[in-house]
Amino acid sequence: MYEEYSRQSLPSRKYRELLGSAICVFNSNNAFIFEKILRNGEDNRFVWYELIDKTSGELSQPIKETITKLSGTKITSRFSEVIEMRNKIIHSFQTTDGDGKQTLATKRKNGEQFIITEDYLYNFIKKNEELSALLHEFRGY
């Protein structure tokens, strides 16, 4: 599929909509994680300007010192899971399937390649919704 703004072949609109939604829900949760770290850190140890420069994976220590310390490992585990899934999306490569459709593919660390399907994106969005619910519960409302 082509669009007037790009001569490059693109996945379907629905697929791109899901990709955009996936990025947005993850970014929302990432910001929510910042909020919880900043509100629950002791002695103002963490600063927004420093946290925003970290990759999501680099937030593991601040999360352990704040969120995990106060609420256990459920939030940390789910956040790690969505980070891994997000990395597969962001570090993917475009491919053309047998029907000539554009899609994204990625690989696992063992070298196994797989297509990032619409189901994968829906699952990622669902896991982010679950993470958001856990963060709201931790917030207290």
N, C-alpha and C. Protein backbone atom coordinates (compact mmCIF):
# COMPACT_ATOMS: atom_id res chain seq x y z
N MET A 1 0.84 -1.17 0.00
CA MET A 1 0.00 0.00 0.00
C MET A 1 0.89 1.24 0.00
N TYR A 2 0.48 2.22 -0.75
CA TYR A 2 1.21 3.49 -0.82
C TYR A 2 0.30 4.60 -0.33
N GLU A 3 0.92 5.65 0.17
CA GLU A 3 0.20 6.84 0.60
C GLU A 3 0.78 8.03 -0.15
N GLU A 4 0.02 9.10 -0.24
CA GLU A 4 0.51 10.28 -0.96
C GLU A 4 1.73 10.90 -0.29
N TYR A 5 1.93 10.65 0.99
CA TYR A 5 3.06 11.25 1.71
C TYR A 5 4.31 10.38 1.67
N SER A 6 4.24 9.18 1.08
CA SER A 6 5.41 8.32 1.01
C SER A 6 5.35 7.44 -0.23
N ARG A 7 6.47 7.32 -0.90
CA ARG A 7 6.55 6.44 -2.07
C ARG A 7 6.93 5.02 -1.65
N GLN A 8 7.22 4.85 -0.37
CA GLN A 8 7.59 3.53 0.11
C GLN A 8 6.35 2.70 0.38
N SER A 9 6.48 1.41 0.17
CA SER A 9 5.37 0.50 0.42
C SER A 9 5.13 0.39 1.92
N LEU A 10 3.86 0.43 2.30
CA LEU A 10 3.49 0.42 3.71
C LEU A 10 2.51 -0.71 4.01
N PRO A 11 2.47 -1.14 5.28
CA PRO A 11 1.43 -2.10 5.68
C PRO A 11 0.05 -1.44 5.57
N SER A 12 -0.98 -2.22 5.74
CA SER A 12 -2.36 -1.71 5.66
C SER A 12 -2.59 -0.62 6.71
N ARG A 13 -3.62 0.16 6.49
CA ARG A 13 -3.97 1.22 7.45
C ARG A 13 -4.30 0.65 8.82
N LYS A 14 -5.04 -0.44 8.84
CA LYS A 14 -5.41 -1.06 10.12
C LYS A 14 -4.15 -1.48 10.89
N TYR A 15 -3.21 -2.10 10.20
CA TYR A 15 -1.97 -2.55 10.83
C TYR A 15 -1.21 -1.35 11.39
N ARG A 16 -1.12 -0.28 10.59
CA ARG A 16 -0.42 0.93 11.05
C ARG A 16 -1.15 1.58 12.22
N GLU A 17 -2.47 1.52 12.21
CA GLU A 17 -3.25 2.05 13.34
C GLU A 17 -2.92 1.27 14.62
N LEU A 18 -2.84 -0.04 14.50
CA LEU A 18 -2.49 -0.86 15.66
C LEU A 18 -1.07 -0.57 16.14
N LEU A 19 -0.16 -0.39 15.20
CA LEU A 19 1.22 -0.03 15.57
C LEU A 19 1.24 1.29 16.34
N GLY A 20 0.53 2.27 15.84
CA GLY A 20 0.46 3.56 16.52
C GLY A 20 -0.17 3.45 17.89
N SER A 21 -1.23 2.68 17.99
CA SER A 21 -1.89 2.48 19.28
C SER A 21 -0.95 1.77 20.26
N ALA A 22 -0.23 0.79 19.76
CA ALA A 22 0.71 0.05 20.60
C ALA A 22 1.77 0.97 21.18
N ILE A 23 2.31 1.84 20.35
CA ILE A 23 3.33 2.78 20.83
C ILE A 23 2.74 3.74 21.85
N CYS A 24 1.53 4.24 21.57
CA CYS A 24 0.90 5.20 22.49
C CYS A 24 0.59 4.60 23.85
N VAL A 25 0.04 3.38 23.90
CA VAL A 25 -0.29 2.80 25.21
C VAL A 25 0.99 2.50 26.00
N PHE A 26 2.04 2.08 25.30
CA PHE A 26 3.30 1.84 26.00
C PHE A 26 3.85 3.15 26.55
N ASN A 27 3.85 4.20 25.73
CA ASN A 27 4.37 5.49 26.19
C ASN A 27 3.58 6.03 27.37
N SER A 28 2.27 5.81 27.37
CA SER A 28 1.44 6.23 28.48
C SER A 28 1.86 5.51 29.76
N ASN A 29 2.06 4.21 29.67
CA ASN A 29 2.49 3.45 30.84
C ASN A 29 3.89 3.83 31.29
N ASN A 30 4.76 4.12 30.35
CA ASN A 30 6.12 4.53 30.69
C ASN A 30 6.07 5.82 31.52
N ALA A 31 5.24 6.76 31.10
CA ALA A 31 5.07 8.01 31.85
C ALA A 31 4.46 7.73 33.23
N PHE A 32 3.53 6.80 33.29
CA PHE A 32 2.90 6.40 34.55
C PHE A 32 3.96 5.82 35.49
N ILE A 33 4.88 5.03 34.95
CA ILE A 33 5.98 4.48 35.75
C ILE A 33 6.83 5.61 36.32
N PHE A 34 7.15 6.61 35.48
CA PHE A 34 7.90 7.77 35.98
C PHE A 34 7.19 8.40 37.17
N GLU A 35 5.88 8.63 37.01
CA GLU A 35 5.09 9.24 38.08
C GLU A 35 5.21 8.46 39.38
N LYS A 36 5.06 7.14 39.28
CA LYS A 36 5.10 6.30 40.48
C LYS A 36 6.49 6.28 41.11
N ILE A 37 7.53 6.30 40.29
CA ILE A 37 8.90 6.36 40.83
C ILE A 37 9.10 7.68 41.56
N LEU A 38 8.70 8.78 40.93
CA LEU A 38 8.91 10.10 41.52
C LEU A 38 8.09 10.30 42.79
N ARG A 39 6.87 9.79 42.82
CA ARG A 39 6.00 9.98 43.99
C ARG A 39 6.34 9.06 45.15
N ASN A 40 7.04 7.96 44.85
CA ASN A 40 7.31 6.98 45.90
C ASN A 40 8.79 6.85 46.24
N GLY A 41 9.62 7.64 45.59
CA GLY A 41 11.05 7.62 45.90
C GLY A 41 11.32 8.37 47.20
N GLU A 42 12.32 7.92 47.91
CA GLU A 42 12.69 8.56 49.17
C GLU A 42 13.67 9.70 48.91
N ASP A 43 13.53 10.77 49.69
CA ASP A 43 14.46 11.89 49.67
C ASP A 43 14.64 12.52 48.29
N ASN A 44 13.59 12.51 47.49
CA ASN A 44 13.68 13.09 46.14
C ASN A 44 14.90 12.59 45.37
N ARG A 45 15.20 11.31 45.57
CA ARG A 45 16.39 10.70 44.96
C ARG A 45 16.32 10.70 43.44
N PHE A 46 15.12 10.55 42.90
CA PHE A 46 14.96 10.46 41.45
C PHE A 46 14.44 11.78 40.91
N VAL A 47 14.95 12.15 39.75
CA VAL A 47 14.61 13.41 39.11
C VAL A 47 14.06 13.12 37.72
N TRP A 48 12.96 13.77 37.38
CA TRP A 48 12.31 13.54 36.10
C TRP A 48 13.28 13.70 34.94
N TYR A 49 14.11 14.75 34.97
CA TYR A 49 15.04 15.01 33.87
C TYR A 49 16.02 13.87 33.65
N GLU A 50 16.35 13.18 34.70
CA GLU A 50 17.26 12.03 34.56
C GLU A 50 16.49 10.78 34.14
N LEU A 51 15.31 10.58 34.69
CA LEU A 51 14.52 9.40 34.33
C LEU A 51 14.14 9.42 32.85
N ILE A 52 13.77 10.57 32.32
CA ILE A 52 13.31 10.66 30.94
C ILE A 52 14.41 10.31 29.95
N ASP A 53 15.67 10.43 30.36
CA ASP A 53 16.79 10.09 29.48
C ASP A 53 17.12 8.61 29.49
N LYS A 54 16.53 7.86 30.39
CA LYS A 54 16.80 6.43 30.48
C LYS A 54 15.91 5.65 29.51
N THR A 55 16.44 4.54 29.02
CA THR A 55 15.58 3.63 28.27
C THR A 55 14.65 2.96 29.28
N SER A 56 13.59 2.38 28.80
CA SER A 56 12.65 1.71 29.70
C SER A 56 13.34 0.61 30.49
N GLY A 57 14.23 -0.12 29.85
CA GLY A 57 14.97 -1.18 30.54
C GLY A 57 15.88 -0.67 31.64
N GLU A 58 16.35 0.56 31.49
CA GLU A 58 17.22 1.15 32.51
C GLU A 58 16.45 1.63 33.74
N LEU A 59 15.14 1.53 33.69
CA LEU A 59 14.32 1.94 34.84
C LEU A 59 14.19 0.84 35.89
N SER A 60 14.77 -0.32 35.64
CA SER A 60 14.57 -1.45 36.55
C SER A 60 15.03 -1.14 37.98
N GLN A 61 16.17 -0.50 38.14
CA GLN A 61 16.64 -0.20 39.51
C GLN A 61 15.74 0.82 40.21
N PRO A 62 15.40 1.95 39.57
CA PRO A 62 14.46 2.87 40.23
C PRO A 62 13.12 2.21 40.54
N ILE A 63 12.65 1.33 39.68
CA ILE A 63 11.39 0.63 39.93
C ILE A 63 11.52 -0.27 41.15
N LYS A 64 12.62 -1.01 41.26
CA LYS A 64 12.84 -1.90 42.40
C LYS A 64 12.88 -1.12 43.71
N GLU A 65 13.49 0.06 43.67
CA GLU A 65 13.65 0.88 44.88
C GLU A 65 12.36 1.59 45.29
N THR A 66 11.38 1.62 44.44
CA THR A 66 10.15 2.35 44.74
C THR A 66 8.92 1.44 44.61
N ILE A 67 8.52 1.17 43.40
CA ILE A 67 7.27 0.44 43.15
C ILE A 67 7.33 -0.98 43.72
N THR A 68 8.38 -1.73 43.37
CA THR A 68 8.48 -3.12 43.83
C THR A 68 8.60 -3.18 45.34
N LYS A 69 9.35 -2.26 45.90
CA LYS A 69 9.54 -2.22 47.36
C LYS A 69 8.21 -2.07 48.08
N LEU A 70 7.29 -1.31 47.49
CA LEU A 70 6.01 -1.03 48.13
C LEU A 70 4.87 -1.97 47.72
N SER A 71 5.00 -2.60 46.53
CA SER A 71 3.84 -3.34 46.03
C SER A 71 4.13 -4.76 45.56
N GLY A 72 5.35 -5.19 45.62
CA GLY A 72 5.67 -6.54 45.13
C GLY A 72 6.10 -6.51 43.67
N THR A 73 6.11 -7.68 43.06
CA THR A 73 6.71 -7.81 41.74
C THR A 73 5.74 -7.82 40.56
N LYS A 74 4.43 -7.74 40.79
CA LYS A 74 3.48 -7.84 39.68
C LYS A 74 3.68 -6.73 38.64
N ILE A 75 3.83 -5.50 39.10
CA ILE A 75 4.01 -4.38 38.17
C ILE A 75 5.34 -4.51 37.45
N THR A 76 6.37 -4.83 38.18
CA THR A 76 7.70 -4.97 37.58
C THR A 76 7.72 -6.08 36.53
N SER A 77 7.11 -7.19 36.84
CA SER A 77 7.07 -8.31 35.89
C SER A 77 6.31 -7.94 34.62
N ARG A 78 5.15 -7.32 34.79
CA ARG A 78 4.36 -6.95 33.61
C ARG A 78 5.09 -5.88 32.79
N PHE A 79 5.71 -4.93 33.45
CA PHE A 79 6.45 -3.89 32.73
C PHE A 79 7.60 -4.51 31.95
N SER A 80 8.33 -5.44 32.54
CA SER A 80 9.41 -6.13 31.83
C SER A 80 8.88 -6.87 30.61
N GLU A 81 7.73 -7.49 30.76
CA GLU A 81 7.12 -8.23 29.66
C GLU A 81 6.77 -7.29 28.50
N VAL A 82 6.15 -6.15 28.81
CA VAL A 82 5.77 -5.25 27.72
C VAL A 82 7.00 -4.56 27.11
N ILE A 83 8.04 -4.34 27.91
CA ILE A 83 9.29 -3.80 27.34
C ILE A 83 9.84 -4.76 26.30
N GLU A 84 9.88 -6.04 26.64
CA GLU A 84 10.41 -7.03 25.71
C GLU A 84 9.58 -7.08 24.42
N MET A 85 8.27 -7.05 24.57
CA MET A 85 7.40 -7.06 23.39
C MET A 85 7.57 -5.77 22.58
N ARG A 86 7.65 -4.65 23.26
CA ARG A 86 7.84 -3.36 22.58
C ARG A 86 9.16 -3.36 21.80
N ASN A 87 10.21 -3.91 22.40
CA ASN A 87 11.49 -3.97 21.71
C ASN A 87 11.40 -4.77 20.42
N LYS A 88 10.61 -5.84 20.44
CA LYS A 88 10.43 -6.64 19.23
C LYS A 88 9.74 -5.82 18.14
N ILE A 89 8.81 -4.97 18.53
CA ILE A 89 8.11 -4.12 17.57
C ILE A 89 9.05 -3.04 17.04
N ILE A 90 9.71 -2.34 17.92
CA ILE A 90 10.56 -1.21 17.53
C ILE A 90 11.77 -1.67 16.73
N HIS A 91 12.33 -2.79 17.08
CA HIS A 91 13.54 -3.27 16.40
C HIS A 91 13.20 -4.31 15.32
N SER A 92 12.05 -4.18 14.72
CA SER A 92 11.60 -5.11 13.70
C SER A 92 12.12 -4.68 12.33
N PHE A 93 11.80 -5.47 11.35
CA PHE A 93 12.15 -5.15 9.97
C PHE A 93 10.93 -5.42 9.10
N GLN A 94 10.81 -4.62 8.04
CA GLN A 94 9.65 -4.77 7.16
C GLN A 94 9.87 -5.93 6.20
N THR A 95 8.80 -6.62 5.91
CA THR A 95 8.86 -7.76 5.02
C THR A 95 7.59 -7.80 4.17
N THR A 96 7.67 -8.54 3.10
CA THR A 96 6.51 -8.73 2.22
C THR A 96 6.10 -10.19 2.32
N ASP A 97 4.81 -10.43 2.61
CA ASP A 97 4.36 -11.82 2.73
C ASP A 97 4.06 -12.40 1.34
N GLY A 98 3.63 -13.63 1.31
CA GLY A 98 3.36 -14.33 0.05
C GLY A 98 2.28 -13.68 -0.78
N ASP A 99 1.41 -12.88 -0.16
CA ASP A 99 0.33 -12.20 -0.88
C ASP A 99 0.73 -10.79 -1.31
N GLY A 100 2.00 -10.43 -1.07
CA GLY A 100 2.47 -9.09 -1.43
C GLY A 100 2.15 -8.02 -0.40
N LYS A 101 1.65 -8.42 0.77
CA LYS A 101 1.32 -7.46 1.81
C LYS A 101 2.56 -7.15 2.66
N GLN A 102 2.66 -5.90 3.04
CA GLN A 102 3.75 -5.47 3.91
C GLN A 102 3.38 -5.74 5.36
N THR A 103 4.35 -6.18 6.12
CA THR A 103 4.16 -6.41 7.55
C THR A 103 5.52 -6.28 8.21
N LEU A 104 5.56 -6.38 9.50
CA LEU A 104 6.82 -6.34 10.23
C LEU A 104 7.15 -7.73 10.74
N ALA A 105 8.42 -8.00 10.81
CA ALA A 105 8.90 -9.25 11.37
C ALA A 105 10.04 -8.93 12.33
N THR A 106 10.34 -9.87 13.18
CA THR A 106 11.40 -9.69 14.16
C THR A 106 11.99 -11.05 14.46
N LYS A 107 12.91 -11.10 15.40
CA LYS A 107 13.47 -12.39 15.76
C LYS A 107 13.69 -12.47 17.26
N ARG A 108 13.69 -13.70 17.71
CA ARG A 108 14.00 -13.96 19.11
C ARG A 108 15.52 -14.08 19.24
N LYS A 109 16.00 -14.05 20.45
CA LYS A 109 17.45 -14.13 20.66
C LYS A 109 18.05 -15.43 20.15
N ASN A 110 17.23 -16.48 20.05
CA ASN A 110 17.72 -17.77 19.55
C ASN A 110 17.78 -17.79 18.02
N GLY A 111 17.43 -16.67 17.38
CA GLY A 111 17.50 -16.56 15.93
C GLY A 111 16.19 -16.85 15.21
N GLU A 112 15.20 -17.37 15.92
CA GLU A 112 13.90 -17.68 15.32
C GLU A 112 13.19 -16.38 14.92
N GLN A 113 12.82 -16.29 13.65
CA GLN A 113 12.11 -15.12 13.16
C GLN A 113 10.61 -15.35 13.24
N PHE A 114 9.87 -14.26 13.45
CA PHE A 114 8.42 -14.36 13.43
C PHE A 114 7.80 -13.05 12.98
N ILE A 115 6.60 -13.15 12.46
CA ILE A 115 5.84 -11.99 11.98
C ILE A 115 5.15 -11.33 13.17
N ILE A 116 5.19 -10.02 13.20
CA ILE A 116 4.42 -9.27 14.19
C ILE A 116 3.02 -9.13 13.60
N THR A 117 2.17 -10.01 14.03
CA THR A 117 0.81 -10.07 13.51
C THR A 117 -0.09 -9.04 14.21
N GLU A 118 -1.28 -8.88 13.67
CA GLU A 118 -2.26 -8.03 14.35
C GLU A 118 -2.59 -8.62 15.71
N ASP A 119 -2.63 -9.93 15.84
CA ASP A 119 -2.88 -10.56 17.14
C ASP A 119 -1.78 -10.23 18.14
N TYR A 120 -0.53 -10.21 17.68
CA TYR A 120 0.59 -9.83 18.55
C TYR A 120 0.38 -8.40 19.05
N LEU A 121 -0.01 -7.51 18.15
CA LEU A 121 -0.22 -6.11 18.53
C LEU A 121 -1.41 -5.97 19.49
N TYR A 122 -2.50 -6.69 19.23
CA TYR A 122 -3.64 -6.67 20.15
C TYR A 122 -3.23 -7.20 21.53
N ASN A 123 -2.45 -8.25 21.55
CA ASN A 123 -1.99 -8.83 22.81
C ASN A 123 -1.10 -7.83 23.57
N PHE A 124 -0.24 -7.14 22.85
CA PHE A 124 0.62 -6.12 23.44
C PHE A 124 -0.22 -5.00 24.05
N ILE A 125 -1.22 -4.55 23.32
CA ILE A 125 -2.11 -3.49 23.81
C ILE A 125 -2.86 -3.97 25.06
N LYS A 126 -3.31 -5.22 25.04
CA LYS A 126 -4.02 -5.79 26.19
C LYS A 126 -3.11 -5.86 27.42
N LYS A 127 -1.88 -6.30 27.24
CA LYS A 127 -0.94 -6.38 28.36
C LYS A 127 -0.64 -4.99 28.92
N ASN A 128 -0.60 -3.99 28.05
CA ASN A 128 -0.42 -2.63 28.52
C ASN A 128 -1.63 -2.15 29.31
N GLU A 129 -2.81 -2.55 28.91
CA GLU A 129 -4.03 -2.21 29.65
C GLU A 129 -3.99 -2.83 31.05
N GLU A 130 -3.53 -4.08 31.12
CA GLU A 130 -3.38 -4.75 32.42
C GLU A 130 -2.35 -4.04 33.29
N LEU A 131 -1.25 -3.61 32.68
CA LEU A 131 -0.23 -2.86 33.42
C LEU A 131 -0.81 -1.55 33.93
N SER A 132 -1.56 -0.87 33.09
CA SER A 132 -2.19 0.39 33.50
C SER A 132 -3.12 0.18 34.69
N ALA A 133 -3.89 -0.90 34.67
CA ALA A 133 -4.79 -1.21 35.78
C ALA A 133 -3.99 -1.45 37.06
N LEU A 134 -2.88 -2.18 36.96
CA LEU A 134 -2.03 -2.41 38.13
C LEU A 134 -1.46 -1.11 38.67
N LEU A 135 -1.06 -0.22 37.77
CA LEU A 135 -0.52 1.08 38.19
C LEU A 135 -1.58 1.94 38.84
N HIS A 136 -2.81 1.91 38.29
CA HIS A 136 -3.91 2.65 38.93
C HIS A 136 -4.22 2.10 40.31
N GLU A 137 -4.20 0.80 40.42
CA GLU A 137 -4.43 0.16 41.73
C GLU A 137 -3.34 0.59 42.71
N PHE A 138 -2.10 0.60 42.26
CA PHE A 138 -0.98 1.02 43.11
C PHE A 138 -1.13 2.48 43.51
N ARG A 139 -1.60 3.30 42.59
CA ARG A 139 -1.83 4.72 42.87
C ARG A 139 -2.90 4.91 43.93
N GLY A 140 -3.87 3.97 43.93
CA GLY A 140 -4.93 4.05 44.93
C GLY A 140 -6.26 4.50 44.37
N TYR A 141 -6.32 4.74 43.07
CA TYR A 141 -7.58 5.11 42.41
C TYR A 141 -7.47 4.89 40.93
